[in-house]
Amino acid sequence: MAWEREVNRALRGLGLTHTQVLVLSALDSASKRAEEAVTQASIARDAGLDKVTVSAIVRALETRGLVDRGITFGDKRAWRVILTRKGTQALASAVPLLEEASSLGRQR
């Protein structure tokens, strides 16, 4: 819990939480492998989170313009998601902050 508080403190300037960055990172990895938008279910699997949590986070990230989502072709119950340019930039900014906060947490 202390580690996560430290990470969230480091990310506060970006307006992100650790869990949101985890979802952005899982989305980035999954979409690079697939070379296209991916489903929320695959993001949940990659992030190790439940689908309901990922759905709520993706909606929040979409509101901020960090991801784009739409109904998956052929399955109106599934959503496809992709990082926007703004989301890619936010993730790139978050990674060094995460690494720094993690190394500080280990030193304590």
N, C-alpha and C. Protein backbone atom coordinates (compact mmCIF):
# COMPACT_ATOMS: atom_id res chain seq x y z
N MET A 1 0.82 -1.20 0.00
CA MET A 1 0.00 0.00 0.00
C MET A 1 0.87 1.26 0.00
N ALA A 2 1.95 1.26 0.74
CA ALA A 2 2.83 2.43 0.79
C ALA A 2 3.43 2.69 -0.59
N TRP A 3 3.81 1.62 -1.27
CA TRP A 3 4.38 1.76 -2.61
C TRP A 3 3.37 2.40 -3.55
N GLU A 4 2.13 1.92 -3.51
CA GLU A 4 1.11 2.46 -4.40
C GLU A 4 0.80 3.92 -4.08
N ARG A 5 0.80 4.28 -2.80
CA ARG A 5 0.60 5.69 -2.44
C ARG A 5 1.72 6.55 -3.01
N GLU A 6 2.96 6.07 -2.92
CA GLU A 6 4.11 6.79 -3.46
C GLU A 6 3.98 6.96 -4.98
N VAL A 7 3.58 5.90 -5.65
CA VAL A 7 3.40 5.95 -7.11
C VAL A 7 2.28 6.91 -7.47
N ASN A 8 1.16 6.83 -6.78
CA ASN A 8 0.04 7.73 -7.07
C ASN A 8 0.42 9.19 -6.82
N ARG A 9 1.22 9.42 -5.79
CA ARG A 9 1.71 10.78 -5.51
C ARG A 9 2.56 11.28 -6.68
N ALA A 10 3.42 10.42 -7.20
CA ALA A 10 4.29 10.80 -8.32
C ALA A 10 3.48 11.09 -9.59
N LEU A 11 2.39 10.37 -9.78
CA LEU A 11 1.57 10.51 -10.99
C LEU A 11 0.54 11.63 -10.90
N ARG A 12 0.35 12.16 -9.71
CA ARG A 12 -0.69 13.16 -9.48
C ARG A 12 -0.58 14.33 -10.45
N GLY A 13 0.63 14.77 -10.75
CA GLY A 13 0.82 15.90 -11.67
C GLY A 13 0.29 15.63 -13.07
N LEU A 14 0.24 14.36 -13.44
CA LEU A 14 -0.31 13.99 -14.75
C LEU A 14 -1.82 13.75 -14.69
N GLY A 15 -2.36 13.75 -13.46
CA GLY A 15 -3.78 13.46 -13.30
C GLY A 15 -4.11 11.99 -13.51
N LEU A 16 -3.12 11.12 -13.26
CA LEU A 16 -3.30 9.68 -13.44
C LEU A 16 -3.06 8.93 -12.13
N THR A 17 -3.63 7.75 -12.05
CA THR A 17 -3.36 6.85 -10.94
C THR A 17 -2.54 5.66 -11.46
N HIS A 18 -2.00 4.91 -10.52
CA HIS A 18 -1.23 3.72 -10.89
C HIS A 18 -2.09 2.78 -11.73
N THR A 19 -3.32 2.55 -11.34
CA THR A 19 -4.20 1.62 -12.05
C THR A 19 -4.51 2.13 -13.46
N GLN A 20 -4.68 3.43 -13.62
CA GLN A 20 -4.92 3.97 -14.95
C GLN A 20 -3.69 3.78 -15.84
N VAL A 21 -2.51 3.98 -15.29
CA VAL A 21 -1.29 3.76 -16.07
C VAL A 21 -1.14 2.29 -16.41
N LEU A 22 -1.51 1.41 -15.48
CA LEU A 22 -1.48 -0.02 -15.75
C LEU A 22 -2.38 -0.36 -16.94
N VAL A 23 -3.56 0.22 -17.00
CA VAL A 23 -4.48 -0.01 -18.11
C VAL A 23 -3.91 0.58 -19.41
N LEU A 24 -3.37 1.78 -19.35
CA LEU A 24 -2.75 2.37 -20.55
C LEU A 24 -1.61 1.51 -21.06
N SER A 25 -0.80 1.01 -20.15
CA SER A 25 0.34 0.18 -20.53
C SER A 25 -0.11 -1.15 -21.14
N ALA A 26 -1.12 -1.78 -20.51
CA ALA A 26 -1.65 -3.04 -21.05
C ALA A 26 -2.26 -2.81 -22.42
N LEU A 27 -2.97 -1.70 -22.60
CA LEU A 27 -3.55 -1.37 -23.89
C LEU A 27 -2.46 -1.15 -24.93
N ASP A 28 -1.43 -0.42 -24.57
CA ASP A 28 -0.32 -0.16 -25.49
C ASP A 28 0.33 -1.47 -25.93
N SER A 29 0.62 -2.34 -24.99
CA SER A 29 1.26 -3.63 -25.32
C SER A 29 0.36 -4.50 -26.19
N ALA A 30 -0.91 -4.61 -25.80
CA ALA A 30 -1.84 -5.47 -26.54
C ALA A 30 -2.08 -4.94 -27.96
N SER A 31 -2.20 -3.63 -28.10
CA SER A 31 -2.47 -3.10 -29.44
C SER A 31 -1.24 -3.17 -30.34
N LYS A 32 -0.05 -3.10 -29.76
CA LYS A 32 1.16 -3.28 -30.56
C LYS A 32 1.26 -4.72 -31.06
N ARG A 33 0.92 -5.68 -30.19
CA ARG A 33 0.94 -7.09 -30.61
C ARG A 33 -0.10 -7.34 -31.70
N ALA A 34 -1.29 -6.79 -31.52
CA ALA A 34 -2.38 -7.02 -32.47
C ALA A 34 -2.28 -6.10 -33.70
N GLU A 35 -1.51 -5.04 -33.58
CA GLU A 35 -1.39 -4.03 -34.63
C GLU A 35 -2.72 -3.39 -34.97
N GLU A 36 -3.59 -3.29 -33.96
CA GLU A 36 -4.89 -2.63 -34.12
C GLU A 36 -5.52 -2.44 -32.75
N ALA A 37 -6.73 -1.90 -32.74
CA ALA A 37 -7.47 -1.73 -31.50
C ALA A 37 -7.73 -3.11 -30.88
N VAL A 38 -7.85 -3.14 -29.56
CA VAL A 38 -8.07 -4.41 -28.86
C VAL A 38 -9.30 -4.29 -27.97
N THR A 39 -9.81 -5.42 -27.53
CA THR A 39 -11.00 -5.41 -26.69
C THR A 39 -10.64 -5.08 -25.24
N GLN A 40 -11.64 -4.56 -24.55
CA GLN A 40 -11.46 -4.29 -23.12
C GLN A 40 -11.14 -5.58 -22.38
N ALA A 41 -11.71 -6.69 -22.82
CA ALA A 41 -11.44 -7.98 -22.18
C ALA A 41 -9.96 -8.34 -22.27
N SER A 42 -9.33 -8.07 -23.41
CA SER A 42 -7.91 -8.39 -23.55
C SER A 42 -7.06 -7.44 -22.69
N ILE A 43 -7.50 -6.20 -22.55
CA ILE A 43 -6.79 -5.26 -21.67
C ILE A 43 -6.88 -5.76 -20.23
N ALA A 44 -8.06 -6.19 -19.82
CA ALA A 44 -8.25 -6.70 -18.46
C ALA A 44 -7.35 -7.90 -18.21
N ARG A 45 -7.29 -8.79 -19.16
CA ARG A 45 -6.44 -9.98 -19.04
C ARG A 45 -4.97 -9.58 -18.89
N ASP A 46 -4.50 -8.69 -19.77
CA ASP A 46 -3.10 -8.27 -19.74
C ASP A 46 -2.76 -7.50 -18.48
N ALA A 47 -3.70 -6.70 -17.99
CA ALA A 47 -3.45 -5.88 -16.80
C ALA A 47 -3.65 -6.65 -15.50
N GLY A 48 -4.30 -7.82 -15.59
CA GLY A 48 -4.59 -8.58 -14.38
C GLY A 48 -5.70 -7.96 -13.54
N LEU A 49 -6.62 -7.30 -14.23
CA LEU A 49 -7.74 -6.64 -13.56
C LEU A 49 -9.05 -7.24 -14.04
N ASP A 50 -10.11 -7.02 -13.28
CA ASP A 50 -11.41 -7.53 -13.72
C ASP A 50 -12.00 -6.60 -14.78
N LYS A 51 -12.91 -7.15 -15.56
CA LYS A 51 -13.49 -6.42 -16.69
C LYS A 51 -14.26 -5.18 -16.27
N VAL A 52 -14.93 -5.25 -15.13
CA VAL A 52 -15.72 -4.10 -14.66
C VAL A 52 -14.80 -2.93 -14.33
N THR A 53 -13.69 -3.22 -13.66
CA THR A 53 -12.72 -2.17 -13.32
C THR A 53 -12.15 -1.56 -14.58
N VAL A 54 -11.75 -2.39 -15.53
CA VAL A 54 -11.18 -1.89 -16.78
C VAL A 54 -12.20 -1.06 -17.54
N SER A 55 -13.43 -1.48 -17.56
CA SER A 55 -14.47 -0.73 -18.25
C SER A 55 -14.61 0.67 -17.66
N ALA A 56 -14.64 0.78 -16.35
CA ALA A 56 -14.75 2.08 -15.70
C ALA A 56 -13.53 2.95 -15.98
N ILE A 57 -12.36 2.36 -15.93
CA ILE A 57 -11.13 3.12 -16.18
C ILE A 57 -11.08 3.58 -17.63
N VAL A 58 -11.43 2.71 -18.56
CA VAL A 58 -11.41 3.07 -19.98
C VAL A 58 -12.39 4.22 -20.25
N ARG A 59 -13.56 4.19 -19.63
CA ARG A 59 -14.51 5.29 -19.80
C ARG A 59 -13.91 6.61 -19.30
N ALA A 60 -13.24 6.56 -18.15
CA ALA A 60 -12.62 7.77 -17.60
C ALA A 60 -11.49 8.26 -18.51
N LEU A 61 -10.69 7.34 -19.01
CA LEU A 61 -9.59 7.71 -19.90
C LEU A 61 -10.12 8.26 -21.23
N GLU A 62 -11.24 7.71 -21.69
CA GLU A 62 -11.86 8.21 -22.92
C GLU A 62 -12.34 9.64 -22.73
N THR A 63 -12.94 9.93 -21.60
CA THR A 63 -13.41 11.28 -21.30
C THR A 63 -12.28 12.30 -21.37
N ARG A 64 -11.08 11.86 -20.98
CA ARG A 64 -9.90 12.74 -20.99
C ARG A 64 -9.18 12.75 -22.33
N GLY A 65 -9.67 11.97 -23.29
CA GLY A 65 -9.07 11.94 -24.62
C GLY A 65 -7.81 11.09 -24.70
N LEU A 66 -7.58 10.20 -23.73
CA LEU A 66 -6.39 9.37 -23.72
C LEU A 66 -6.57 8.07 -24.50
N VAL A 67 -7.82 7.64 -24.65
CA VAL A 67 -8.13 6.45 -25.44
C VAL A 67 -9.36 6.75 -26.29
N ASP A 68 -9.51 5.95 -27.32
CA ASP A 68 -10.71 6.01 -28.15
C ASP A 68 -11.31 4.62 -28.10
N ARG A 69 -12.62 4.54 -27.99
CA ARG A 69 -13.25 3.22 -27.98
C ARG A 69 -14.52 3.25 -28.80
N GLY A 70 -14.88 2.07 -29.28
CA GLY A 70 -16.09 1.92 -30.06
C GLY A 70 -16.51 0.47 -30.04
N ILE A 71 -17.69 0.22 -30.51
CA ILE A 71 -18.23 -1.14 -30.51
C ILE A 71 -17.42 -2.00 -31.49
N THR A 72 -17.11 -3.21 -31.06
CA THR A 72 -16.37 -4.15 -31.89
C THR A 72 -17.27 -4.65 -33.01
N PHE A 73 -16.75 -4.69 -34.20
CA PHE A 73 -17.52 -5.18 -35.34
C PHE A 73 -17.88 -6.64 -35.12
N GLY A 74 -19.13 -6.97 -35.28
CA GLY A 74 -19.58 -8.34 -35.14
C GLY A 74 -20.00 -8.72 -33.72
N ASP A 75 -19.74 -7.85 -32.73
CA ASP A 75 -20.13 -8.15 -31.35
C ASP A 75 -20.45 -6.83 -30.66
N LYS A 76 -21.73 -6.50 -30.60
CA LYS A 76 -22.15 -5.22 -30.04
C LYS A 76 -21.95 -5.14 -28.53
N ARG A 77 -21.60 -6.26 -27.89
CA ARG A 77 -21.37 -6.24 -26.45
C ARG A 77 -19.92 -5.93 -26.11
N ALA A 78 -19.02 -6.06 -27.08
CA ALA A 78 -17.58 -5.88 -26.83
C ALA A 78 -17.13 -4.51 -27.34
N TRP A 79 -16.25 -3.88 -26.60
CA TRP A 79 -15.69 -2.59 -26.99
C TRP A 79 -14.26 -2.76 -27.44
N ARG A 80 -13.89 -2.10 -28.53
CA ARG A 80 -12.51 -2.07 -28.98
C ARG A 80 -11.92 -0.74 -28.52
N VAL A 81 -10.66 -0.77 -28.14
CA VAL A 81 -10.02 0.42 -27.55
C VAL A 81 -8.65 0.61 -28.19
N ILE A 82 -8.27 1.86 -28.36
CA ILE A 82 -6.94 2.19 -28.86
C ILE A 82 -6.45 3.46 -28.17
N LEU A 83 -5.14 3.55 -27.98
CA LEU A 83 -4.56 4.76 -27.41
C LEU A 83 -4.63 5.90 -28.42
N THR A 84 -4.90 7.08 -27.94
CA THR A 84 -4.81 8.26 -28.78
C THR A 84 -3.38 8.81 -28.69
N ARG A 85 -3.08 9.78 -29.50
CA ARG A 85 -1.75 10.42 -29.41
C ARG A 85 -1.54 10.99 -28.01
N LYS A 86 -2.59 11.60 -27.47
CA LYS A 86 -2.52 12.17 -26.12
C LYS A 86 -2.28 11.07 -25.08
N GLY A 87 -2.90 9.91 -25.26
CA GLY A 87 -2.70 8.78 -24.36
C GLY A 87 -1.29 8.24 -24.43
N THR A 88 -0.74 8.18 -25.63
CA THR A 88 0.64 7.72 -25.82
C THR A 88 1.60 8.67 -25.12
N GLN A 89 1.35 9.96 -25.24
CA GLN A 89 2.20 10.95 -24.58
C GLN A 89 2.09 10.86 -23.05
N ALA A 90 0.87 10.66 -22.56
CA ALA A 90 0.67 10.54 -21.11
C ALA A 90 1.40 9.31 -20.57
N LEU A 91 1.31 8.21 -21.29
CA LEU A 91 2.00 6.98 -20.86
C LEU A 91 3.51 7.20 -20.87
N ALA A 92 4.02 7.83 -21.91
CA ALA A 92 5.46 8.10 -21.99
C ALA A 92 5.92 9.00 -20.85
N SER A 93 5.09 9.93 -20.43
CA SER A 93 5.42 10.80 -19.30
C SER A 93 5.33 10.06 -17.97
N ALA A 94 4.42 9.10 -17.88
CA ALA A 94 4.19 8.39 -16.63
C ALA A 94 5.28 7.37 -16.32
N VAL A 95 5.83 6.74 -17.34
CA VAL A 95 6.80 5.65 -17.11
C VAL A 95 8.00 6.10 -16.28
N PRO A 96 8.67 7.20 -16.61
CA PRO A 96 9.81 7.60 -15.77
C PRO A 96 9.40 7.96 -14.35
N LEU A 97 8.21 8.53 -14.19
CA LEU A 97 7.72 8.85 -12.84
C LEU A 97 7.49 7.58 -12.03
N LEU A 98 6.93 6.57 -12.69
CA LEU A 98 6.73 5.27 -12.03
C LEU A 98 8.06 4.65 -11.61
N GLU A 99 9.00 4.69 -12.52
CA GLU A 99 10.32 4.11 -12.22
C GLU A 99 10.99 4.83 -11.07
N GLU A 100 10.91 6.16 -11.06
CA GLU A 100 11.52 6.94 -9.99
C GLU A 100 10.83 6.67 -8.65
N ALA A 101 9.50 6.66 -8.65
CA ALA A 101 8.76 6.40 -7.42
C ALA A 101 9.04 4.99 -6.92
N SER A 102 9.16 4.03 -7.82
CA SER A 102 9.45 2.65 -7.43
C SER A 102 10.83 2.54 -6.81
N SER A 103 11.81 3.23 -7.39
CA SER A 103 13.17 3.15 -6.84
C SER A 103 13.24 3.86 -5.49
N LEU A 104 12.52 4.95 -5.32
CA LEU A 104 12.47 5.63 -4.02
C LEU A 104 11.84 4.73 -2.97
N GLY A 105 10.77 4.04 -3.38
CA GLY A 105 10.08 3.14 -2.44
C GLY A 105 10.97 2.00 -2.00
N ARG A 106 11.82 1.51 -2.87
CA ARG A 106 12.73 0.42 -2.52
C ARG A 106 13.84 0.89 -1.59
N GLN A 107 14.21 2.17 -1.70
CA GLN A 107 15.29 2.70 -0.88
C GLN A 107 14.84 2.93 0.55
N ARG A 108 13.56 3.06 0.77
CA ARG A 108 13.05 3.36 2.13
C ARG A 108 13.01 2.15 2.99
